[in-house]
Amino acid sequence: MIPEDTGATRAANKPEGRQAVPANLNVALSLAQIAASVALLVGASTFGFSVLGAACVITFTFVMQTGFSLIHEAEHDKLHPTRWVNDALGILTAAIFPGSFQFMKVAHLSHHRKNRSDAELVDYVRNGESFALKTIQYYALITGVIWLGVPLLSALIALTPSFGSEPTDETPKSGAALYLQFVREARPYRVRLELIFVVTLWTLILKVLPISFEALAVSYGAFAFSWASQQYVYHIRTPRHLVEGAFNLRLPRALELLYLNFNHHLTHHRNVMVPWIHLPELSERPERAYLATYLDLWRPPEPVERAFPVQFQAKGPLEARPTLPEAANASYVRRD
């Protein structure tokens, strides 16, 4: 088992300087993504079960991937340099996902602390685990259950009473303690307020626009499948290392732009505060093809003995980061 987080790994992730955030571009992309997503739902409702309706649904799944990439930027406080604008855009974009931005942010930052640890080892069966149960869980996750968990767990956190004590750095020892620690970090009162906004926004959208339940269900079902499987493609069967346990995957440039360079995922884990627009400048051209890696994702979990043995895991400090061109290496200043 690898440690979930250490001072060394935190230092490895700490940027030497924050790169310039494309603030105006990100605002425009966020608003355009929301408008396009809603318009495609209207299109799917209008054209129904037809070629045009199917085209709207398929396009919706890709546009929503852009939305998730924008949420991801906001989770790392790099969608906009002004905090309230960053959070407002995150809340608005997450509402279309749909879910609580605060919940999604806490869950994602937890992933950066636990990547490839036992807590996130979905692709290997450890000693004492049932192969059949692990396989069922694995395929459930990559076919959409993880997406369904976002609105459901957001609601669960919202219904959980707030706790007075602040989150601690201590590692919880039990499942209940782990959940309570997560609740404290998520701050239920914020999740409640965000879900009130989500419900209000969707009530308004469905009241004003001709969106059918069937189109909504089919569109989000397709997105859930697409998004869930692509969440795991960057980590399955990677080294059991907090930072190095990710892939950079090769995509056509058009898809890279649509995904906001999310496919440069290993580079992101090495440089968590670098905005999406600069990631290719820090990456060598990925050797692994996206499609081949995606197809490999559908193999069932394997015995943990086939994972990267401890003696072959990356140790010590990471290699020095390459520097961006001077123009792109402008200091990042957050304005609260």
C-alpha atoms as a PDB file:
ATOM      1  CA  MET A   1       0.000   0.000   0.000  1.00  0.00           C
ATOM      2  CA  ILE A   2       1.305   3.458  -0.842  1.00  0.00           C
ATOM      3  CA  PRO A   3       0.947   6.454   1.464  1.00  0.00           C
ATOM      4  CA  GLU A   4      -2.019   8.641   0.553  1.00  0.00           C
ATOM      5  CA  ASP A   5      -0.199  11.906   1.006  1.00  0.00           C
ATOM      6  CA  THR A   6       3.146  13.046   2.317  1.00  0.00           C
ATOM      7  CA  GLY A   7       5.051  16.265   2.623  1.00  0.00           C
ATOM      8  CA  ALA A   8       7.201  15.163  -0.309  1.00  0.00           C
ATOM      9  CA  THR A   9       4.237  14.621  -2.595  1.00  0.00           C
ATOM     10  CA  ARG A  10       2.669  17.916  -1.581  1.00  0.00           C
ATOM     11  CA  ALA A  11       5.945  19.653  -2.322  1.00  0.00           C
ATOM     12  CA  ALA A  12       6.113  17.904  -5.680  1.00  0.00           C
ATOM     13  CA  ASN A  13       2.690  19.301  -6.549  1.00  0.00           C
ATOM     14  CA  LYS A  14       3.412  22.822  -5.326  1.00  0.00           C
ATOM     15  CA  PRO A  15       4.023  25.113  -8.314  1.00  0.00           C
ATOM     16  CA  GLU A  16       7.028  27.386  -8.317  1.00  0.00           C
ATOM     17  CA  GLY A  17       4.913  30.090  -9.929  1.00  0.00           C
ATOM     18  CA  ARG A  18       1.362  30.251 -11.138  1.00  0.00           C
ATOM     19  CA  GLN A  19       0.816  30.767 -14.849  1.00  0.00           C
ATOM     20  CA  ALA A  20      -1.560  33.302 -16.314  1.00  0.00           C
ATOM     21  CA  VAL A  21      -5.208  32.243 -16.290  1.00  0.00           C
ATOM     22  CA  PRO A  22      -7.133  32.952 -19.528  1.00  0.00           C
ATOM     23  CA  ALA A  23      -9.885  34.606 -17.493  1.00  0.00           C
ATOM     24  CA  ASN A  24     -11.924  36.231 -20.263  1.00  0.00           C
ATOM     25  CA  LEU A  25     -11.713  33.123 -22.430  1.00  0.00           C
ATOM     26  CA  ASN A  26     -12.839  30.936 -19.532  1.00  0.00           C
ATOM     27  CA  VAL A  27     -15.842  33.159 -18.811  1.00  0.00           C
ATOM     28  CA  ALA A  28     -16.859  33.046 -22.471  1.00  0.00           C
ATOM     29  CA  LEU A  29     -16.386  29.269 -22.638  1.00  0.00           C
ATOM     30  CA  SER A  30     -18.421  28.723 -19.469  1.00  0.00           C
ATOM     31  CA  LEU A  31     -21.376  30.767 -20.680  1.00  0.00           C
ATOM     32  CA  ALA A  32     -21.201  29.261 -24.177  1.00  0.00           C
ATOM     33  CA  GLN A  33     -21.023  25.724 -22.785  1.00  0.00           C
ATOM     34  CA  ILE A  34     -24.105  26.247 -20.619  1.00  0.00           C
ATOM     35  CA  ALA A  35     -26.060  27.811 -23.486  1.00  0.00           C
ATOM     36  CA  ALA A  36     -25.019  25.053 -25.907  1.00  0.00           C
ATOM     37  CA  SER A  37     -25.927  22.277 -23.455  1.00  0.00           C
ATOM     38  CA  VAL A  38     -29.417  23.661 -22.881  1.00  0.00           C
ATOM     39  CA  ALA A  39     -29.903  24.303 -26.617  1.00  0.00           C
ATOM     40  CA  LEU A  40     -28.939  20.698 -27.406  1.00  0.00           C
ATOM     41  CA  LEU A  41     -31.499  19.446 -24.880  1.00  0.00           C
ATOM     42  CA  VAL A  42     -34.122  21.527 -26.668  1.00  0.00           C
ATOM     43  CA  GLY A  43     -32.915  20.083 -29.980  1.00  0.00           C
ATOM     44  CA  ALA A  44     -33.082  16.514 -28.685  1.00  0.00           C
ATOM     45  CA  SER A  45     -36.629  17.191 -27.445  1.00  0.00           C
ATOM     46  CA  THR A  46     -37.682  18.752 -30.742  1.00  0.00           C
ATOM     47  CA  PHE A  47     -36.278  16.106 -33.080  1.00  0.00           C
ATOM     48  CA  GLY A  48     -37.004  13.120 -30.839  1.00  0.00           C
ATOM     49  CA  PHE A  49     -35.936   9.653 -31.955  1.00  0.00           C
ATOM     50  CA  SER A  50     -34.457  10.669 -35.297  1.00  0.00           C
ATOM     51  CA  VAL A  51     -31.038  11.185 -36.841  1.00  0.00           C
ATOM     52  CA  LEU A  52     -31.068  14.850 -35.825  1.00  0.00           C
ATOM     53  CA  GLY A  53     -32.207  13.936 -32.329  1.00  0.00           C
ATOM     54  CA  ALA A  54     -29.380  11.403 -32.005  1.00  0.00           C
ATOM     55  CA  ALA A  55     -26.905  14.002 -33.284  1.00  0.00           C
ATOM     56  CA  CYS A  56     -28.067  16.401 -30.559  1.00  0.00           C
ATOM     57  CA  VAL A  57     -27.589  13.727 -27.883  1.00  0.00           C
ATOM     58  CA  ILE A  58     -24.101  12.763 -29.087  1.00  0.00           C
ATOM     59  CA  THR A  59     -23.027  16.396 -29.364  1.00  0.00           C
ATOM     60  CA  PHE A  60     -24.433  16.994 -25.872  1.00  0.00           C
ATOM     61  CA  THR A  61     -22.106  14.351 -24.413  1.00  0.00           C
ATOM     62  CA  PHE A  62     -19.064  16.115 -25.878  1.00  0.00           C
ATOM     63  CA  VAL A  63     -20.170  19.619 -24.864  1.00  0.00           C
ATOM     64  CA  MET A  64     -20.761  18.369 -21.326  1.00  0.00           C
ATOM     65  CA  GLN A  65     -17.191  17.039 -21.263  1.00  0.00           C
ATOM     66  CA  THR A  66     -16.106  20.628 -21.872  1.00  0.00           C
ATOM     67  CA  GLY A  67     -18.336  21.650 -18.992  1.00  0.00           C
ATOM     68  CA  PHE A  68     -16.664  19.152 -16.693  1.00  0.00           C
ATOM     69  CA  SER A  69     -13.232  20.423 -17.721  1.00  0.00           C
ATOM     70  CA  LEU A  70     -14.359  23.944 -16.795  1.00  0.00           C
ATOM     71  CA  ILE A  71     -15.618  22.691 -13.427  1.00  0.00           C
ATOM     72  CA  HIS A  72     -12.238  21.009 -12.962  1.00  0.00           C
ATOM     73  CA  GLU A  73     -10.462  24.325 -13.519  1.00  0.00           C
ATOM     74  CA  ALA A  74     -12.736  25.988 -10.959  1.00  0.00           C
ATOM     75  CA  GLU A  75     -12.079  23.186  -8.449  1.00  0.00           C
ATOM     76  CA  HIS A  76      -8.398  24.136  -8.558  1.00  0.00           C
ATOM     77  CA  ASP A  77      -9.227  27.877  -8.318  1.00  0.00           C
ATOM     78  CA  LYS A  78      -7.865  28.573 -11.785  1.00  0.00           C
ATOM     79  CA  LEU A  79     -10.981  29.195 -13.864  1.00  0.00           C
ATOM     80  CA  HIS A  80     -10.779  32.883 -12.958  1.00  0.00           C
ATOM     81  CA  PRO A  81      -8.248  34.808 -10.824  1.00  0.00           C
ATOM     82  CA  THR A  82     -11.012  36.533  -8.833  1.00  0.00           C
ATOM     83  CA  ARG A  83     -12.292  34.079  -6.250  1.00  0.00           C
ATOM     84  CA  TRP A  84     -15.971  34.978  -6.307  1.00  0.00           C
ATOM     85  CA  VAL A  85     -16.052  34.870 -10.114  1.00  0.00           C
ATOM     86  CA  ASN A  86     -14.234  31.512 -10.106  1.00  0.00           C
ATOM     87  CA  ASP A  87     -16.686  30.044  -7.608  1.00  0.00           C
ATOM     88  CA  ALA A  88     -19.750  31.577  -9.278  1.00  0.00           C
ATOM     89  CA  LEU A  89     -18.772  30.079 -12.630  1.00  0.00           C
ATOM     90  CA  GLY A  90     -18.063  26.756 -10.923  1.00  0.00           C
ATOM     91  CA  ILE A  91     -21.484  26.748  -9.236  1.00  0.00           C
ATOM     92  CA  LEU A  92     -23.256  27.712 -12.472  1.00  0.00           C
ATOM     93  CA  THR A  93     -21.455  25.120 -14.602  1.00  0.00           C
ATOM     94  CA  ALA A  94     -21.874  22.399 -11.959  1.00  0.00           C
ATOM     95  CA  ALA A  95     -25.614  23.119 -11.872  1.00  0.00           C
ATOM     96  CA  ILE A  96     -25.865  21.844 -15.451  1.00  0.00           C
ATOM     97  CA  PHE A  97     -23.849  18.696 -14.594  1.00  0.00           C
ATOM     98  CA  PRO A  98     -25.909  18.626 -12.232  1.00  0.00           C
ATOM     99  CA  GLY A  99     -24.595  18.731  -8.686  1.00  0.00           C
ATOM    100  CA  SER A 100     -23.050  20.858  -5.969  1.00  0.00           C
ATOM    101  CA  PHE A 101     -19.802  22.533  -6.980  1.00  0.00           C
ATOM    102  CA  GLN A 102     -18.643  22.519  -3.359  1.00  0.00           C
ATOM    103  CA  PHE A 103     -19.181  18.761  -3.126  1.00  0.00           C
ATOM    104  CA  MET A 104     -17.430  18.135  -6.444  1.00  0.00           C
ATOM    105  CA  LYS A 105     -14.489  20.315  -5.426  1.00  0.00           C
ATOM    106  CA  VAL A 106     -13.918  18.569  -2.096  1.00  0.00           C
ATOM    107  CA  ALA A 107     -14.246  15.144  -3.746  1.00  0.00           C
ATOM    108  CA  HIS A 108     -11.775  16.047  -6.490  1.00  0.00           C
ATOM    109  CA  LEU A 109      -9.171  17.512  -4.145  1.00  0.00           C
ATOM    110  CA  SER A 110      -9.501  14.323  -2.102  1.00  0.00           C
ATOM    111  CA  HIS A 111      -8.637  12.407  -5.288  1.00  0.00           C
ATOM    112  CA  HIS A 112      -5.368  14.336  -5.539  1.00  0.00           C
ATOM    113  CA  ARG A 113      -4.532  13.246  -1.978  1.00  0.00           C
ATOM    114  CA  LYS A 114      -5.457   9.594  -2.523  1.00  0.00           C
ATOM    115  CA  ASN A 115      -4.708   8.852  -6.169  1.00  0.00           C
ATOM    116  CA  ARG A 116      -3.761   5.165  -6.691  1.00  0.00           C
ATOM    117  CA  SER A 117      -3.957   4.413  -2.955  1.00  0.00           C
ATOM    118  CA  ASP A 118      -6.085   1.501  -1.737  1.00  0.00           C
ATOM    119  CA  ALA A 119      -9.023   3.906  -1.396  1.00  0.00           C
ATOM    120  CA  GLU A 120      -9.079   4.475  -5.177  1.00  0.00           C
ATOM    121  CA  LEU A 121      -7.741   1.149  -6.417  1.00  0.00           C
ATOM    122  CA  VAL A 122     -10.790   0.110  -8.445  1.00  0.00           C
ATOM    123  CA  ASP A 123      -8.817  -1.796 -11.096  1.00  0.00           C
ATOM    124  CA  TYR A 124      -7.111  -4.359  -8.847  1.00  0.00           C
ATOM    125  CA  VAL A 125      -8.469  -6.971  -6.460  1.00  0.00           C
ATOM    126  CA  ARG A 126      -6.651  -6.889  -3.141  1.00  0.00           C
ATOM    127  CA  ASN A 127      -6.209  -9.828  -0.780  1.00  0.00           C
ATOM    128  CA  GLY A 128      -9.473 -10.560   1.004  1.00  0.00           C
ATOM    129  CA  GLU A 129     -11.651  -8.840  -1.607  1.00  0.00           C
ATOM    130  CA  SER A 130     -14.219 -10.724  -3.679  1.00  0.00           C
ATOM    131  CA  PHE A 131     -13.274 -10.816  -7.362  1.00  0.00           C
ATOM    132  CA  ALA A 132     -16.947 -11.039  -8.384  1.00  0.00           C
ATOM    133  CA  LEU A 133     -18.010  -8.106  -6.204  1.00  0.00           C
ATOM    134  CA  LYS A 134     -15.031  -5.974  -7.255  1.00  0.00           C
ATOM    135  CA  THR A 135     -15.812  -6.675 -10.916  1.00  0.00           C
ATOM    136  CA  ILE A 136     -19.470  -5.679 -10.498  1.00  0.00           C
ATOM    137  CA  GLN A 137     -18.437  -2.484  -8.704  1.00  0.00           C
ATOM    138  CA  TYR A 138     -15.864  -1.686 -11.375  1.00  0.00           C
ATOM    139  CA  TYR A 139     -18.228  -2.003 -14.324  1.00  0.00           C
ATOM    140  CA  ALA A 140     -20.948  -0.121 -12.449  1.00  0.00           C
ATOM    141  CA  LEU A 141     -18.565   2.786 -11.876  1.00  0.00           C
ATOM    142  CA  ILE A 142     -17.298   3.057 -15.442  1.00  0.00           C
ATOM    143  CA  THR A 143     -20.766   2.760 -16.989  1.00  0.00           C
ATOM    144  CA  GLY A 144     -22.341   5.658 -15.119  1.00  0.00           C
ATOM    145  CA  VAL A 145     -22.812   5.056 -11.398  1.00  0.00           C
ATOM    146  CA  ILE A 146     -20.072   7.540 -10.537  1.00  0.00           C
ATOM    147  CA  TRP A 147     -22.014  10.264 -12.396  1.00  0.00           C
ATOM    148  CA  LEU A 148     -25.235   9.335 -10.598  1.00  0.00           C
ATOM    149  CA  GLY A 149     -23.335   9.668  -7.344  1.00  0.00           C
ATOM    150  CA  VAL A 150     -22.745  13.393  -7.902  1.00  0.00           C
ATOM    151  CA  PRO A 151     -26.365  14.578  -7.515  1.00  0.00           C
ATOM    152  CA  LEU A 152     -27.265  11.842  -5.014  1.00  0.00           C
ATOM    153  CA  LEU A 153     -24.272  12.409  -2.740  1.00  0.00           C
ATOM    154  CA  SER A 154     -24.689  16.173  -3.063  1.00  0.00           C
ATOM    155  CA  ALA A 155     -28.228  15.716  -1.720  1.00  0.00           C
ATOM    156  CA  LEU A 156     -27.008  13.388   1.046  1.00  0.00           C
ATOM    157  CA  ILE A 157     -24.401  15.912   2.189  1.00  0.00           C
ATOM    158  CA  ALA A 158     -27.029  18.675   2.086  1.00  0.00           C
ATOM    159  CA  LEU A 159     -29.309  16.630   4.351  1.00  0.00           C
ATOM    160  CA  THR A 160     -26.509  15.876   6.826  1.00  0.00           C
ATOM    161  CA  PRO A 161     -26.433  18.198   9.860  1.00  0.00           C
ATOM    162  CA  SER A 162     -23.502  20.591   9.965  1.00  0.00           C
ATOM    163  CA  PHE A 163     -20.736  19.916  12.454  1.00  0.00           C
ATOM    164  CA  GLY A 164     -19.113  22.620  14.500  1.00  0.00           C
ATOM    165  CA  SER A 165     -15.546  21.335  14.445  1.00  0.00           C
ATOM    166  CA  GLU A 166     -13.209  22.174  11.578  1.00  0.00           C
ATOM    167  CA  PRO A 167     -11.642  19.522   9.313  1.00  0.00           C
ATOM    168  CA  THR A 168      -8.411  18.055  10.671  1.00  0.00           C
ATOM    169  CA  ASP A 169      -5.292  16.624   9.062  1.00  0.00           C
ATOM    170  CA  GLU A 170      -5.719  13.348  10.946  1.00  0.00           C
ATOM    171  CA  THR A 171      -6.483  10.283   8.823  1.00  0.00           C
ATOM    172  CA  PRO A 172      -9.905   8.826   9.780  1.00  0.00           C
ATOM    173  CA  LYS A 173      -9.701   5.229  11.009  1.00  0.00           C
ATOM    174  CA  SER A 174     -13.232   4.021  10.188  1.00  0.00           C
ATOM    175  CA  GLY A 175     -15.784   4.401   7.427  1.00  0.00           C
ATOM    176  CA  ALA A 176     -18.012   6.554   9.625  1.00  0.00           C
ATOM    177  CA  ALA A 177     -15.097   8.787  10.611  1.00  0.00           C
ATOM    178  CA  LEU A 178     -14.084   9.077   6.963  1.00  0.00           C
ATOM    179  CA  TYR A 179     -17.594  10.184   5.999  1.00  0.00           C
ATOM    180  CA  LEU A 180     -17.818  12.718   8.842  1.00  0.00           C
ATOM    181  CA  GLN A 181     -14.443  14.159   7.871  1.00  0.00           C
ATOM    182  CA  PHE A 182     -15.661  14.526   4.286  1.00  0.00           C
ATOM    183  CA  VAL A 183     -18.875  16.194   5.498  1.00  0.00           C
ATOM    184  CA  ARG A 184     -16.872  18.730   7.497  1.00  0.00           C
ATOM    185  CA  GLU A 185     -14.733  19.538   4.477  1.00  0.00           C
ATOM    186  CA  ALA A 186     -17.769  19.804   2.192  1.00  0.00           C
ATOM    187  CA  ARG A 187     -19.587  22.177   4.598  1.00  0.00           C
ATOM    188  CA  PRO A 188     -23.229  21.052   4.266  1.00  0.00           C
ATOM    189  CA  TYR A 189     -24.658  24.569   4.518  1.00  0.00           C
ATOM    190  CA  ARG A 190     -22.836  25.536   1.317  1.00  0.00           C
ATOM    191  CA  VAL A 191     -23.975  22.386  -0.447  1.00  0.00           C
ATOM    192  CA  ARG A 192     -27.577  23.149   0.612  1.00  0.00           C
ATOM    193  CA  LEU A 193     -27.436  26.662  -0.793  1.00  0.00           C
ATOM    194  CA  GLU A 194     -25.961  25.416  -4.052  1.00  0.00           C
ATOM    195  CA  LEU A 195     -28.606  22.703  -4.438  1.00  0.00           C
ATOM    196  CA  ILE A 196     -31.353  25.273  -3.860  1.00  0.00           C
ATOM    197  CA  PHE A 197     -29.836  27.204  -6.762  1.00  0.00           C
ATOM    198  CA  VAL A 198     -29.608  24.038  -8.894  1.00  0.00           C
ATOM    199  CA  VAL A 199     -33.277  23.172  -8.300  1.00  0.00           C
ATOM    200  CA  THR A 200     -34.364  26.768  -8.938  1.00  0.00           C
ATOM    201  CA  LEU A 201     -32.367  26.985 -12.163  1.00  0.00           C
ATOM    202  CA  TRP A 202     -33.702  23.697 -13.527  1.00  0.00           C
ATOM    203  CA  THR A 203     -37.265  24.580 -12.539  1.00  0.00           C
ATOM    204  CA  LEU A 204     -36.915  27.769 -14.555  1.00  0.00           C
ATOM    205  CA  ILE A 205     -35.296  25.998 -17.529  1.00  0.00           C
ATOM    206  CA  LEU A 206     -37.970  23.295 -17.701  1.00  0.00           C
ATOM    207  CA  LYS A 207     -40.776  25.812 -17.260  1.00  0.00           C
ATOM    208  CA  VAL A 208     -39.576  28.163 -19.995  1.00  0.00           C
ATOM    209  CA  LEU A 209     -38.051  25.798 -22.568  1.00  0.00           C
ATOM    210  CA  PRO A 210     -39.619  22.849 -24.429  1.00  0.00           C
ATOM    211  CA  ILE A 211     -37.433  20.093 -22.960  1.00  0.00           C
ATOM    212  CA  SER A 212     -39.056  16.676 -22.669  1.00  0.00           C
ATOM    213  CA  PHE A 213     -38.389  14.177 -19.908  1.00  0.00           C
ATOM    214  CA  GLU A 214     -37.458  11.546 -22.509  1.00  0.00           C
ATOM    215  CA  ALA A 215     -34.827  13.777 -24.130  1.00  0.00           C
ATOM    216  CA  LEU A 216     -33.484  14.751 -20.714  1.00  0.00           C
ATOM    217  CA  ALA A 217     -33.178  11.114 -19.626  1.00  0.00           C
ATOM    218  CA  VAL A 218     -31.576   9.907 -22.862  1.00  0.00           C
ATOM    219  CA  SER A 219     -29.152  12.854 -23.093  1.00  0.00           C
ATOM    220  CA  TYR A 220     -27.964  12.603 -19.503  1.00  0.00           C
ATOM    221  CA  GLY A 221     -27.877   8.805 -19.681  1.00  0.00           C
ATOM    222  CA  ALA A 222     -25.558   9.021 -22.683  1.00  0.00           C
ATOM    223  CA  PHE A 223     -23.424  11.629 -20.945  1.00  0.00           C
ATOM    224  CA  ALA A 224     -23.257   9.571 -17.738  1.00  0.00           C
ATOM    225  CA  PHE A 225     -21.894   6.576 -19.657  1.00  0.00           C
ATOM    226  CA  SER A 226     -19.448   8.683 -21.681  1.00  0.00           C
ATOM    227  CA  TRP A 227     -18.183  10.740 -18.749  1.00  0.00           C
ATOM    228  CA  ALA A 228     -17.909   7.899 -16.232  1.00  0.00           C
ATOM    229  CA  SER A 229     -15.748   5.704 -18.441  1.00  0.00           C
ATOM    230  CA  GLN A 230     -13.545   8.617 -19.463  1.00  0.00           C
ATOM    231  CA  GLN A 231     -13.002   9.534 -15.814  1.00  0.00           C
ATOM    232  CA  TYR A 232     -11.089   6.309 -15.271  1.00  0.00           C
ATOM    233  CA  VAL A 233      -9.231   6.076 -18.577  1.00  0.00           C
ATOM    234  CA  TYR A 234      -6.423   8.310 -17.251  1.00  0.00           C
ATOM    235  CA  HIS A 235      -5.698   6.196 -14.150  1.00  0.00           C
ATOM    236  CA  ILE A 236      -6.518   2.531 -14.772  1.00  0.00           C
ATOM    237  CA  ARG A 237      -3.416   0.313 -14.555  1.00  0.00           C
ATOM    238  CA  THR A 238      -1.089   3.238 -13.974  1.00  0.00           C
ATOM    239  CA  PRO A 239       1.772   3.094 -11.426  1.00  0.00           C
ATOM    240  CA  ARG A 240       0.629   3.089  -7.799  1.00  0.00           C
ATOM    241  CA  HIS A 241       2.040   6.528  -7.183  1.00  0.00           C
ATOM    242  CA  LEU A 242       0.203   9.588  -5.908  1.00  0.00           C
ATOM    243  CA  VAL A 243       1.482  11.897  -8.652  1.00  0.00           C
ATOM    244  CA  GLU A 244       2.814   9.602 -11.372  1.00  0.00           C
ATOM    245  CA  GLY A 245      -0.281   7.396 -11.371  1.00  0.00           C
ATOM    246  CA  ALA A 246      -1.863   9.000 -14.440  1.00  0.00           C
ATOM    247  CA  PHE A 247      -1.555   8.985 -18.232  1.00  0.00           C
ATOM    248  CA  ASN A 248      -1.077  11.633 -20.869  1.00  0.00           C
ATOM    249  CA  LEU A 249      -3.171  10.377 -23.786  1.00  0.00           C
ATOM    250  CA  ARG A 250      -2.914  11.297 -27.443  1.00  0.00           C
ATOM    251  CA  LEU A 251      -5.986  12.905 -29.027  1.00  0.00           C
ATOM    252  CA  PRO A 252      -6.651  14.824 -32.250  1.00  0.00           C
ATOM    253  CA  ARG A 253      -6.105  18.521 -31.615  1.00  0.00           C
ATOM    254  CA  ALA A 254      -9.803  19.323 -32.108  1.00  0.00           C
ATOM    255  CA  LEU A 255     -10.755  16.947 -29.290  1.00  0.00           C
ATOM    256  CA  GLU A 256      -7.922  18.240 -27.114  1.00  0.00           C
ATOM    257  CA  LEU A 257      -9.411  21.707 -27.393  1.00  0.00           C
ATOM    258  CA  LEU A 258     -12.919  20.418 -26.708  1.00  0.00           C
ATOM    259  CA  TYR A 259     -11.613  18.636 -23.598  1.00  0.00           C
ATOM    260  CA  LEU A 260      -9.546  21.713 -22.610  1.00  0.00           C
ATOM    261  CA  ASN A 261      -6.371  19.590 -22.719  1.00  0.00           C
ATOM    262  CA  PHE A 262      -7.747  17.272 -20.036  1.00  0.00           C
ATOM    263  CA  ASN A 263      -5.959  14.437 -21.858  1.00  0.00           C
ATOM    264  CA  HIS A 264      -2.640  15.881 -20.590  1.00  0.00           C
ATOM    265  CA  HIS A 265      -3.625  14.377 -17.278  1.00  0.00           C
ATOM    266  CA  LEU A 266      -0.248  13.248 -15.967  1.00  0.00           C
ATOM    267  CA  THR A 267       1.060  16.735 -16.648  1.00  0.00           C
ATOM    268  CA  HIS A 268      -1.870  18.111 -14.648  1.00  0.00           C
ATOM    269  CA  HIS A 269      -1.077  15.837 -11.689  1.00  0.00           C
ATOM    270  CA  ARG A 270       2.525  17.039 -11.787  1.00  0.00           C
ATOM    271  CA  ASN A 271       1.516  20.698 -12.124  1.00  0.00           C
ATOM    272  CA  VAL A 272      -1.895  21.044 -10.527  1.00  0.00           C
ATOM    273  CA  MET A 273      -2.021  24.843 -10.623  1.00  0.00           C
ATOM    274  CA  VAL A 274      -1.107  25.247 -14.297  1.00  0.00           C
ATOM    275  CA  PRO A 275      -4.186  26.415 -16.272  1.00  0.00           C
ATOM    276  CA  TRP A 276      -5.483  24.146 -19.024  1.00  0.00           C
ATOM    277  CA  ILE A 277      -4.285  26.385 -21.830  1.00  0.00           C
ATOM    278  CA  HIS A 278      -0.611  25.909 -20.854  1.00  0.00           C
ATOM    279  CA  LEU A 279      -0.554  22.129 -20.269  1.00  0.00           C
ATOM    280  CA  PRO A 280       0.618  21.150 -23.788  1.00  0.00           C
ATOM    281  CA  GLU A 281       3.644  23.410 -23.358  1.00  0.00           C
ATOM    282  CA  LEU A 282       4.730  21.301 -20.379  1.00  0.00           C
ATOM    283  CA  SER A 283       3.994  17.941 -22.018  1.00  0.00           C
ATOM    284  CA  GLU A 284       5.917  15.829 -24.430  1.00  0.00           C
ATOM    285  CA  ARG A 285       3.677  14.393 -27.132  1.00  0.00           C
ATOM    286  CA  PRO A 286       1.800  11.553 -25.416  1.00  0.00           C
ATOM    287  CA  GLU A 287       2.877   8.107 -26.579  1.00  0.00           C
ATOM    288  CA  ARG A 288      -0.308   6.325 -25.529  1.00  0.00           C
ATOM    289  CA  ALA A 289      -3.293   6.541 -27.867  1.00  0.00           C
ATOM    290  CA  TYR A 290      -6.564   7.535 -26.229  1.00  0.00           C
ATOM    291  CA  LEU A 291      -8.731   4.980 -28.039  1.00  0.00           C
ATOM    292  CA  ALA A 292      -6.445   2.014 -27.320  1.00  0.00           C
ATOM    293  CA  THR A 293      -6.265   2.970 -23.644  1.00  0.00           C
ATOM    294  CA  TYR A 294     -10.046   3.424 -23.531  1.00  0.00           C
ATOM    295  CA  LEU A 295     -10.620  -0.047 -24.973  1.00  0.00           C
ATOM    296  CA  ASP A 296      -8.175  -1.519 -22.441  1.00  0.00           C
ATOM    297  CA  LEU A 297     -10.299   0.069 -19.711  1.00  0.00           C
ATOM    298  CA  TRP A 298     -12.990  -2.553 -20.322  1.00  0.00           C
ATOM    299  CA  ARG A 299     -10.845  -5.450 -19.115  1.00  0.00           C
ATOM    300  CA  PRO A 300     -11.982  -6.661 -15.670  1.00  0.00           C
ATOM    301  CA  PRO A 301     -10.005  -5.930 -12.494  1.00  0.00           C
ATOM    302  CA  GLU A 302      -6.857  -7.992 -11.995  1.00  0.00           C
ATOM    303  CA  PRO A 303      -5.164  -9.439  -8.894  1.00  0.00           C
ATOM    304  CA  VAL A 304      -3.202  -6.749  -7.100  1.00  0.00           C
ATOM    305  CA  GLU A 305      -0.016  -8.783  -7.611  1.00  0.00           C
ATOM    306  CA  ARG A 306      -0.105  -7.649 -11.240  1.00  0.00           C
ATOM    307  CA  ALA A 307       0.059  -4.001 -10.193  1.00  0.00           C
ATOM    308  CA  PHE A 308       3.348  -2.179 -10.307  1.00  0.00           C
ATOM    309  CA  PRO A 309       5.390  -3.798  -7.480  1.00  0.00           C
ATOM    310  CA  VAL A 310       6.485  -1.521  -4.686  1.00  0.00           C
ATOM    311  CA  GLN A 311      10.136  -1.728  -5.692  1.00  0.00           C
ATOM    312  CA  PHE A 312       9.286  -0.333  -9.136  1.00  0.00           C
ATOM    313  CA  GLN A 313       7.177   2.576  -7.949  1.00  0.00           C
ATOM    314  CA  ALA A 314       8.590   6.054  -8.448  1.00  0.00           C
ATOM    315  CA  LYS A 315      10.424   7.277  -5.381  1.00  0.00           C
ATOM    316  CA  GLY A 316      11.824  10.562  -4.213  1.00  0.00           C
ATOM    317  CA  PRO A 317      11.413  14.001  -5.765  1.00  0.00           C
ATOM    318  CA  LEU A 318      10.055  14.361  -9.267  1.00  0.00           C
ATOM    319  CA  GLU A 319      12.102  15.650 -12.157  1.00  0.00           C
ATOM    320  CA  ALA A 320      12.424  19.408 -12.486  1.00  0.00           C
ATOM    321  CA  ARG A 321       9.535  20.967 -14.369  1.00  0.00           C
ATOM    322  CA  PRO A 322      10.174  22.562 -17.741  1.00  0.00           C
ATOM    323  CA  THR A 323       9.523  26.291 -17.776  1.00  0.00           C
ATOM    324  CA  LEU A 324       6.920  27.982 -19.886  1.00  0.00           C
ATOM    325  CA  PRO A 325       7.804  30.756 -22.320  1.00  0.00           C
ATOM    326  CA  GLU A 326       8.305  34.040 -20.528  1.00  0.00           C
ATOM    327  CA  ALA A 327       5.076  35.517 -21.877  1.00  0.00           C
ATOM    328  CA  ALA A 328       3.035  32.659 -20.482  1.00  0.00           C
ATOM    329  CA  ASN A 329       4.885  32.571 -17.184  1.00  0.00           C
ATOM    330  CA  ALA A 330       3.259  35.708 -15.862  1.00  0.00           C
ATOM    331  CA  SER A 331       2.594  35.656 -12.148  1.00  0.00           C
ATOM    332  CA  TYR A 332      -0.827  34.489 -11.076  1.00  0.00           C
ATOM    333  CA  VAL A 333      -2.400  36.776  -8.516  1.00  0.00           C
ATOM    334  CA  ARG A 334      -5.673  35.823  -6.890  1.00  0.00           C
ATOM    335  CA  ARG A 335      -7.945  38.729  -6.128  1.00  0.00           C
ATOM    336  CA  ASP A 336     -10.328  37.927  -3.303  1.00  0.00           C
END
